[in-house]
Amino acid sequence: MRLFGIETEYGIAREDCENADPVVESMELVRAYLDGHFTRRWDYRGENPHEDQRGFRVTELAQDKEEELFAEQDAHRPFSFHDMKSDLVLPNGARFYNDHTHPEYSTPECRSLKDIVAHDRAGERILLVAAQRRNTALGGSMIQLYKNNTDFHGHSYGCHDNYLVSRSLKFEELVRGLLPFLVSRQLIAGAGKVGREAQ
């Protein structure tokens, strides 16, 4: 059985407020989707990014310094880590949360391409409903969402795919089989980004 899924980080902007905090706006967008019947949250207990796929623990990751900077900034915010993430596990098995400065929708684990496309489209509708509710709370159409890969200020974000593979698969075999696809998928699927806006 093969399982796969995708995670999409959406761009977010607030029309009426040039200096709006994207962390707060992403939090409020996710919270706007909540209704009174549903409060399941994400469980972080099993997560550790320092556990390597090859079976060992790394002491440092390239992203650690950036994560420390985010943590330092977030320590001055008037809400907790869990409030900031505003993590939801939705009834369809998807995850909807604030990923630093972006609302992110992660599909549930899927077994077919048809399922993954359906769940990706469901994510678009879920974000649309959340944006409509948030805009109603703000008194008009102020929140804009973008399914893109750049904020046009030098920051990239995007859509990630996930694959379940056996730990018994040798890492070199995984790289040899997957790397050609990862290099060419931008041409095949039309997603991604090359270059920088500053050039």
C-alpha atoms as a PDB file:
ATOM      1  CA  MET A   1       0.000   0.000   0.000  1.00  0.00           C
ATOM      2  CA  ARG A   2       1.334   3.438  -0.947  1.00  0.00           C
ATOM      3  CA  LEU A   3       0.321   6.500   1.035  1.00  0.00           C
ATOM      4  CA  PHE A   4       1.022  10.066   0.034  1.00  0.00           C
ATOM      5  CA  GLY A   5      -0.199  13.575   0.690  1.00  0.00           C
ATOM      6  CA  ILE A   6       0.526  17.223   0.071  1.00  0.00           C
ATOM      7  CA  GLU A   7       0.877  20.283   2.266  1.00  0.00           C
ATOM      8  CA  THR A   8       0.131  23.708   0.844  1.00  0.00           C
ATOM      9  CA  GLU A   9       1.253  26.961   2.434  1.00  0.00           C
ATOM     10  CA  TYR A  10      -0.965  29.821   1.282  1.00  0.00           C
ATOM     11  CA  GLY A  11       0.064  33.428   0.890  1.00  0.00           C
ATOM     12  CA  ILE A  12      -2.052  35.793   2.994  1.00  0.00           C
ATOM     13  CA  ALA A  13      -2.518  39.558   2.847  1.00  0.00           C
ATOM     14  CA  ARG A  14      -4.845  42.010   4.552  1.00  0.00           C
ATOM     15  CA  GLU A  15      -5.955  44.847   2.258  1.00  0.00           C
ATOM     16  CA  ASP A  16      -6.882  47.369   4.930  1.00  0.00           C
ATOM     17  CA  CYS A  17      -3.730  47.108   7.002  1.00  0.00           C
ATOM     18  CA  GLU A  18      -0.309  47.549   5.400  1.00  0.00           C
ATOM     19  CA  ASN A  19       1.507  46.572   8.588  1.00  0.00           C
ATOM     20  CA  ALA A  20      -0.695  43.619   9.535  1.00  0.00           C
ATOM     21  CA  ASP A  21       1.113  40.828  11.391  1.00  0.00           C
ATOM     22  CA  PRO A  22       0.924  37.750   9.119  1.00  0.00           C
ATOM     23  CA  VAL A  23       1.294  35.437  12.132  1.00  0.00           C
ATOM     24  CA  VAL A  24      -1.788  36.941  13.773  1.00  0.00           C
ATOM     25  CA  GLU A  25      -3.734  36.996  10.502  1.00  0.00           C
ATOM     26  CA  SER A  26      -2.889  33.338   9.819  1.00  0.00           C
ATOM     27  CA  MET A  27      -3.903  32.413  13.386  1.00  0.00           C
ATOM     28  CA  GLU A  28      -7.186  34.255  13.081  1.00  0.00           C
ATOM     29  CA  LEU A  29      -7.893  32.674   9.696  1.00  0.00           C
ATOM     30  CA  VAL A  30      -7.452  29.162  11.104  1.00  0.00           C
ATOM     31  CA  ARG A  31      -9.540  30.007  14.163  1.00  0.00           C
ATOM     32  CA  ALA A  32     -12.273  31.424  11.928  1.00  0.00           C
ATOM     33  CA  TYR A  33     -12.800  27.927  10.544  1.00  0.00           C
ATOM     34  CA  LEU A  34     -13.522  26.513  14.013  1.00  0.00           C
ATOM     35  CA  ASP A  35     -17.082  25.858  14.972  1.00  0.00           C
ATOM     36  CA  GLY A  36     -18.452  24.997  18.385  1.00  0.00           C
ATOM     37  CA  HIS A  37     -18.536  21.242  17.728  1.00  0.00           C
ATOM     38  CA  PHE A  38     -14.939  20.684  16.764  1.00  0.00           C
ATOM     39  CA  THR A  39     -11.789  21.280  18.781  1.00  0.00           C
ATOM     40  CA  ARG A  40      -9.358  18.428  17.973  1.00  0.00           C
ATOM     41  CA  ARG A  41      -5.770  19.658  18.103  1.00  0.00           C
ATOM     42  CA  TRP A  42      -2.482  18.379  16.705  1.00  0.00           C
ATOM     43  CA  ASP A  43      -0.348  16.193  19.001  1.00  0.00           C
ATOM     44  CA  TYR A  44       3.342  17.192  18.868  1.00  0.00           C
ATOM     45  CA  ARG A  45       4.641  14.501  21.244  1.00  0.00           C
ATOM     46  CA  GLY A  46       6.105  12.223  18.519  1.00  0.00           C
ATOM     47  CA  GLU A  47       7.730  14.953  16.426  1.00  0.00           C
ATOM     48  CA  ASN A  48      11.468  15.534  16.403  1.00  0.00           C
ATOM     49  CA  PRO A  49      13.055  17.047  13.274  1.00  0.00           C
ATOM     50  CA  HIS A  50      16.508  15.935  14.470  1.00  0.00           C
ATOM     51  CA  GLU A  51      15.606  12.249  13.942  1.00  0.00           C
ATOM     52  CA  ASP A  52      17.090  11.433  10.524  1.00  0.00           C
ATOM     53  CA  GLN A  53      15.358   9.123   8.011  1.00  0.00           C
ATOM     54  CA  ARG A  54      18.537   7.064   7.818  1.00  0.00           C
ATOM     55  CA  GLY A  55      18.137   5.935  11.418  1.00  0.00           C
ATOM     56  CA  PHE A  56      20.295   8.316  13.440  1.00  0.00           C
ATOM     57  CA  ARG A  57      19.905  11.587  15.315  1.00  0.00           C
ATOM     58  CA  VAL A  58      21.552  14.786  14.050  1.00  0.00           C
ATOM     59  CA  THR A  59      22.783  17.427  16.467  1.00  0.00           C
ATOM     60  CA  GLU A  60      22.150  20.412  14.206  1.00  0.00           C
ATOM     61  CA  LEU A  61      19.981  21.281  11.195  1.00  0.00           C
ATOM     62  CA  ALA A  62      20.421  24.130   8.732  1.00  0.00           C
ATOM     63  CA  GLN A  63      17.048  25.497   9.848  1.00  0.00           C
ATOM     64  CA  ASP A  64      17.903  25.551  13.575  1.00  0.00           C
ATOM     65  CA  LYS A  65      19.163  29.152  13.578  1.00  0.00           C
ATOM     66  CA  GLU A  66      16.052  30.335  11.728  1.00  0.00           C
ATOM     67  CA  GLU A  67      13.832  28.381  14.138  1.00  0.00           C
ATOM     68  CA  GLU A  68      15.649  29.976  17.095  1.00  0.00           C
ATOM     69  CA  LEU A  69      15.027  33.410  15.582  1.00  0.00           C
ATOM     70  CA  PHE A  70      11.321  32.601  15.145  1.00  0.00           C
ATOM     71  CA  ALA A  71      11.166  31.333  18.744  1.00  0.00           C
ATOM     72  CA  GLU A  72      12.821  34.530  20.001  1.00  0.00           C
ATOM     73  CA  GLN A  73      10.326  36.681  18.074  1.00  0.00           C
ATOM     74  CA  ASP A  74       7.395  34.537  19.185  1.00  0.00           C
ATOM     75  CA  ALA A  75       8.443  34.779  22.855  1.00  0.00           C
ATOM     76  CA  HIS A  76       7.420  38.466  22.734  1.00  0.00           C
ATOM     77  CA  ARG A  77       3.954  37.711  21.383  1.00  0.00           C
ATOM     78  CA  PRO A  78       0.976  37.764  23.758  1.00  0.00           C
ATOM     79  CA  PHE A  79       0.000  34.130  23.099  1.00  0.00           C
ATOM     80  CA  SER A  80       1.344  30.631  23.634  1.00  0.00           C
ATOM     81  CA  PHE A  81       3.004  28.346  21.079  1.00  0.00           C
ATOM     82  CA  HIS A  82      -0.185  26.272  20.802  1.00  0.00           C
ATOM     83  CA  ASP A  83      -2.309  29.377  20.330  1.00  0.00           C
ATOM     84  CA  MET A  84       0.098  30.600  17.675  1.00  0.00           C
ATOM     85  CA  LYS A  85      -0.004  27.311  15.754  1.00  0.00           C
ATOM     86  CA  SER A  86      -3.815  27.141  16.069  1.00  0.00           C
ATOM     87  CA  ASP A  87      -3.516  23.524  14.908  1.00  0.00           C
ATOM     88  CA  LEU A  88      -6.671  21.725  13.842  1.00  0.00           C
ATOM     89  CA  VAL A  89      -7.159  18.128  12.779  1.00  0.00           C
ATOM     90  CA  LEU A  90     -10.239  18.310  10.558  1.00  0.00           C
ATOM     91  CA  PRO A  91     -12.995  15.684  10.271  1.00  0.00           C
ATOM     92  CA  ASN A  92     -11.610  14.567   6.876  1.00  0.00           C
ATOM     93  CA  GLY A  93      -8.240  13.770   8.509  1.00  0.00           C
ATOM     94  CA  ALA A  94      -6.508  16.880   7.158  1.00  0.00           C
ATOM     95  CA  ARG A  95      -4.461  19.294   9.239  1.00  0.00           C
ATOM     96  CA  PHE A  96      -5.110  23.055   9.073  1.00  0.00           C
ATOM     97  CA  TYR A  97      -2.754  25.348  10.976  1.00  0.00           C
ATOM     98  CA  ASN A  98      -0.580  28.450  11.046  1.00  0.00           C
ATOM     99  CA  ASP A  99       2.934  27.666   9.774  1.00  0.00           C
ATOM    100  CA  HIS A 100       4.927  30.713  10.970  1.00  0.00           C
ATOM    101  CA  THR A 101       3.365  33.334   8.672  1.00  0.00           C
ATOM    102  CA  HIS A 102       1.221  31.165   6.400  1.00  0.00           C
ATOM    103  CA  PRO A 103      -2.014  29.275   6.795  1.00  0.00           C
ATOM    104  CA  GLU A 104      -1.205  25.690   5.786  1.00  0.00           C
ATOM    105  CA  TYR A 105      -3.498  22.856   4.742  1.00  0.00           C
ATOM    106  CA  SER A 106      -2.136  19.297   4.807  1.00  0.00           C
ATOM    107  CA  THR A 107      -4.214  16.625   3.144  1.00  0.00           C
ATOM    108  CA  PRO A 108      -4.924  13.400   4.981  1.00  0.00           C
ATOM    109  CA  GLU A 109      -2.962  10.346   3.864  1.00  0.00           C
ATOM    110  CA  CYS A 110      -4.271   9.316   0.449  1.00  0.00           C
ATOM    111  CA  ARG A 111      -4.100   6.068  -1.526  1.00  0.00           C
ATOM    112  CA  SER A 112      -4.948   7.334  -5.013  1.00  0.00           C
ATOM    113  CA  LEU A 113      -4.314  10.366  -7.192  1.00  0.00           C
ATOM    114  CA  LYS A 114      -8.069  10.947  -7.374  1.00  0.00           C
ATOM    115  CA  ASP A 115      -8.235  11.122  -3.571  1.00  0.00           C
ATOM    116  CA  ILE A 116      -5.309  13.507  -3.278  1.00  0.00           C
ATOM    117  CA  VAL A 117      -6.758  15.867  -5.897  1.00  0.00           C
ATOM    118  CA  ALA A 118     -10.141  15.750  -4.132  1.00  0.00           C
ATOM    119  CA  HIS A 119      -8.561  16.530  -0.757  1.00  0.00           C
ATOM    120  CA  ASP A 120      -6.442  19.335  -2.227  1.00  0.00           C
ATOM    121  CA  ARG A 121      -9.605  20.887  -3.684  1.00  0.00           C
ATOM    122  CA  ALA A 122     -11.354  20.394  -0.340  1.00  0.00           C
ATOM    123  CA  GLY A 123      -8.494  22.354   1.240  1.00  0.00           C
ATOM    124  CA  GLU A 124      -9.123  25.234  -1.148  1.00  0.00           C
ATOM    125  CA  ARG A 125     -12.785  25.276  -0.112  1.00  0.00           C
ATOM    126  CA  ILE A 126     -11.905  25.090   3.578  1.00  0.00           C
ATOM    127  CA  LEU A 127      -9.596  28.096   3.229  1.00  0.00           C
ATOM    128  CA  LEU A 128     -12.270  29.946   1.266  1.00  0.00           C
ATOM    129  CA  VAL A 129     -14.802  29.350   4.064  1.00  0.00           C
ATOM    130  CA  ALA A 130     -12.254  30.454   6.684  1.00  0.00           C
ATOM    131  CA  ALA A 131     -11.465  33.625   4.684  1.00  0.00           C
ATOM    132  CA  GLN A 132     -15.172  34.422   4.266  1.00  0.00           C
ATOM    133  CA  ARG A 133     -15.748  34.032   8.011  1.00  0.00           C
ATOM    134  CA  ARG A 134     -12.687  36.137   8.851  1.00  0.00           C
ATOM    135  CA  ASN A 135     -13.751  38.830   6.377  1.00  0.00           C
ATOM    136  CA  THR A 136     -17.221  38.881   7.920  1.00  0.00           C
ATOM    137  CA  ALA A 137     -15.653  39.356  11.366  1.00  0.00           C
ATOM    138  CA  LEU A 138     -13.508  42.208   9.981  1.00  0.00           C
ATOM    139  CA  GLY A 139     -16.528  43.852   8.345  1.00  0.00           C
ATOM    140  CA  GLY A 140     -15.677  43.366   4.665  1.00  0.00           C
ATOM    141  CA  SER A 141     -13.423  41.710   2.098  1.00  0.00           C
ATOM    142  CA  MET A 142     -10.009  42.375   3.591  1.00  0.00           C
ATOM    143  CA  ILE A 143      -8.194  39.016   3.728  1.00  0.00           C
ATOM    144  CA  GLN A 144      -6.758  37.779   0.436  1.00  0.00           C
ATOM    145  CA  LEU A 145      -5.329  34.272   0.014  1.00  0.00           C
ATOM    146  CA  TYR A 146      -2.886  33.173  -2.670  1.00  0.00           C
ATOM    147  CA  LYS A 147      -1.906  29.675  -3.739  1.00  0.00           C
ATOM    148  CA  ASN A 148       1.528  30.731  -4.942  1.00  0.00           C
ATOM    149  CA  ASN A 149       5.177  30.238  -4.004  1.00  0.00           C
ATOM    150  CA  THR A 150       6.480  33.727  -3.231  1.00  0.00           C
ATOM    151  CA  ASP A 151       5.621  36.912  -1.387  1.00  0.00           C
ATOM    152  CA  PHE A 152       7.575  38.986  -3.976  1.00  0.00           C
ATOM    153  CA  HIS A 153       9.816  40.259  -1.152  1.00  0.00           C
ATOM    154  CA  GLY A 154      12.417  37.493  -1.356  1.00  0.00           C
ATOM    155  CA  HIS A 155      10.635  34.788   0.658  1.00  0.00           C
ATOM    156  CA  SER A 156       9.622  31.435  -0.810  1.00  0.00           C
ATOM    157  CA  TYR A 157       7.096  28.968   0.536  1.00  0.00           C
ATOM    158  CA  GLY A 158       5.031  26.403  -1.192  1.00  0.00           C
ATOM    159  CA  CYS A 159       3.500  23.039  -1.667  1.00  0.00           C
ATOM    160  CA  HIS A 160       5.248  19.962  -0.288  1.00  0.00           C
ATOM    161  CA  ASP A 161       4.553  16.367  -1.158  1.00  0.00           C
ATOM    162  CA  ASN A 162       4.961  13.503   1.304  1.00  0.00           C
ATOM    163  CA  TYR A 163       5.657   9.842   0.629  1.00  0.00           C
ATOM    164  CA  LEU A 164       5.533   6.869   2.975  1.00  0.00           C
ATOM    165  CA  VAL A 165       8.551   4.638   2.371  1.00  0.00           C
ATOM    166  CA  SER A 166       9.867   1.638   4.231  1.00  0.00           C
ATOM    167  CA  ARG A 167      12.772   2.233   6.617  1.00  0.00           C
ATOM    168  CA  SER A 168      14.351  -0.870   5.071  1.00  0.00           C
ATOM    169  CA  LEU A 169      14.809   1.000   1.772  1.00  0.00           C
ATOM    170  CA  LYS A 170      18.422   2.080   1.544  1.00  0.00           C
ATOM    171  CA  PHE A 171      18.782   5.848   1.505  1.00  0.00           C
ATOM    172  CA  GLU A 172      20.960   5.743  -1.624  1.00  0.00           C
ATOM    173  CA  GLU A 173      18.229   3.795  -3.480  1.00  0.00           C
ATOM    174  CA  LEU A 174      15.613   6.316  -2.385  1.00  0.00           C
ATOM    175  CA  VAL A 175      17.749   9.200  -3.657  1.00  0.00           C
ATOM    176  CA  ARG A 176      18.525   7.406  -6.932  1.00  0.00           C
ATOM    177  CA  GLY A 177      14.836   6.713  -7.592  1.00  0.00           C
ATOM    178  CA  LEU A 178      13.318   9.956  -6.334  1.00  0.00           C
ATOM    179  CA  LEU A 179      15.868  12.594  -7.334  1.00  0.00           C
ATOM    180  CA  PRO A 180      15.113  12.568 -11.109  1.00  0.00           C
ATOM    181  CA  PHE A 181      11.425  13.102 -10.331  1.00  0.00           C
ATOM    182  CA  LEU A 182      12.095  15.919  -7.861  1.00  0.00           C
ATOM    183  CA  VAL A 183      14.381  17.679 -10.351  1.00  0.00           C
ATOM    184  CA  SER A 184      11.889  17.434 -13.235  1.00  0.00           C
ATOM    185  CA  ARG A 185       8.533  17.798 -11.466  1.00  0.00           C
ATOM    186  CA  GLN A 186       8.486  21.565 -11.858  1.00  0.00           C
ATOM    187  CA  LEU A 187       8.453  21.074 -15.630  1.00  0.00           C
ATOM    188  CA  ILE A 188       5.926  18.227 -15.426  1.00  0.00           C
ATOM    189  CA  ALA A 189       3.541  19.708 -12.842  1.00  0.00           C
ATOM    190  CA  GLY A 190       4.131  23.434 -13.295  1.00  0.00           C
ATOM    191  CA  ALA A 191       4.682  24.268  -9.631  1.00  0.00           C
ATOM    192  CA  GLY A 192       7.702  25.705  -7.906  1.00  0.00           C
ATOM    193  CA  LYS A 193      10.019  28.637  -8.255  1.00  0.00           C
ATOM    194  CA  VAL A 194      13.379  29.390  -9.825  1.00  0.00           C
ATOM    195  CA  GLY A 195      15.255  32.611  -9.140  1.00  0.00           C
ATOM    196  CA  ARG A 196      14.775  35.574  -6.840  1.00  0.00           C
ATOM    197  CA  GLU A 197      12.776  38.769  -7.123  1.00  0.00           C
ATOM    198  CA  ALA A 198      15.779  40.867  -6.058  1.00  0.00           C
ATOM    199  CA  GLN A 199      17.734  40.050  -9.225  1.00  0.00           C
END
